[in-house]
Structure formats: C-alpha cells, structure tokens
Amino acid sequence: MLQSPKLAILQSLDTMDKVQMEEVLNYIKGILNQPEKTSDYKSFKKEAMKEIRKALRQENGKKLRLAV
C-alpha cells in the first residue's frame, strides 16, 4: 500500500530514538534560522525570479503557437 509522504514522515519519526530526534530538530532549526536578508540572498532571489519569468514567457509562447 502506498503511503502519503506525511504519513511516511510521521512513521519514521516514531521509530527514532531521542538522540536522532534531537539531530533532526537541530537540522530543522539550522535551516529556519539562516539569514535570508543578506545581499547574496537578495541577488540570488532576484536572478531566480528573472529566470522563472523567462521560462514562463517561453512556455506561454509555445502554448499560444500550439493553439493556433
């Protein structure tokens, strides 16, 4: 039987011992506490948004040509 990702994660958490849970918690805290407002992050985000817009425009152009 296929499990949903959420159920699979919950089941794997149930099988962890205290040390493993602490490691997972520290990992998640580290991800959440990363400084996102640095200039590197902002420039990366700006460039990523440009690339996404470009890809969306190209995809929309392909759909329009196919519809004609």
Protein backbone atom coordinates (compact mmCIF):
# COMPACT_ATOMS: atom_id res chain seq x y z
CA MET A 1 0.00 0.00 0.00
CA LEU A 2 1.29 3.44 -0.92
CA GLN A 3 1.73 5.87 1.91
CA SER A 4 1.40 9.60 1.77
CA PRO A 5 4.67 11.49 2.36
CA LYS A 6 3.23 12.97 5.56
CA LEU A 7 2.35 9.55 6.94
CA ALA A 8 5.76 8.16 5.99
CA ILE A 9 7.50 11.03 7.79
CA LEU A 10 5.36 10.57 10.90
CA GLN A 11 6.08 6.84 10.96
CA SER A 12 9.82 7.41 10.59
CA LEU A 13 9.71 9.93 13.44
CA ASP A 14 8.00 7.33 15.62
CA THR A 15 10.92 4.93 15.14
CA MET A 16 13.62 7.45 16.11
CA ASP A 17 15.31 7.49 19.45
CA LYS A 18 15.89 10.67 21.46
CA VAL A 19 19.34 11.35 20.00
CA GLN A 20 18.10 11.03 16.42
CA MET A 21 15.14 13.29 17.14
CA GLU A 22 17.46 15.90 18.60
CA GLU A 23 19.65 15.77 15.48
CA VAL A 24 16.62 16.25 13.22
CA LEU A 25 15.37 19.13 15.37
CA ASN A 26 18.78 20.83 15.27
CA TYR A 27 18.90 20.40 11.49
CA ILE A 28 15.47 21.98 11.06
CA LYS A 29 16.35 24.84 13.40
CA GLY A 30 19.52 25.46 11.38
CA ILE A 31 17.55 25.69 8.17
CA LEU A 32 14.96 28.01 9.67
CA ASN A 33 17.49 30.32 11.29
CA GLN A 34 19.51 31.05 8.18
CA PRO A 35 19.85 34.77 7.48
CA GLU A 36 17.77 35.32 4.37
CA LYS A 37 18.11 39.07 4.08
CA THR A 38 21.75 39.19 3.06
CA SER A 39 22.69 40.87 -0.21
CA ASP A 40 23.72 37.48 -1.64
CA TYR A 41 20.30 36.06 -0.89
CA LYS A 42 18.56 39.08 -2.40
CA SER A 43 20.62 38.97 -5.59
CA PHE A 44 20.11 35.21 -5.87
CA LYS A 45 16.36 35.62 -5.41
CA LYS A 46 16.22 38.44 -7.99
CA GLU A 47 18.10 36.34 -10.55
CA ALA A 48 15.92 33.31 -9.85
CA MET A 49 12.76 35.36 -10.38
CA LYS A 50 14.12 36.62 -13.72
CA GLU A 51 14.77 33.05 -14.84
CA ILE A 52 11.30 31.93 -13.76
CA ARG A 53 9.66 34.82 -15.65
CA LYS A 54 11.70 34.00 -18.74
CA ALA A 55 10.73 30.32 -18.59
CA LEU A 56 7.06 31.18 -18.10
CA ARG A 57 7.10 33.54 -21.10
CA GLN A 58 8.69 30.86 -23.26
CA GLU A 59 6.16 28.29 -22.08
CA ASN A 60 3.25 30.63 -22.75
CA GLY A 61 4.61 31.35 -26.24
CA LYS A 62 4.77 27.63 -27.00
CA LYS A 63 1.17 27.14 -25.84
CA LEU A 64 -0.04 30.03 -27.99
CA ARG A 65 1.71 28.62 -31.07
CA LEU A 66 0.21 25.20 -30.44
CA ALA A 67 -3.29 26.63 -30.05
CA VAL A 68 -3.18 28.43 -33.40
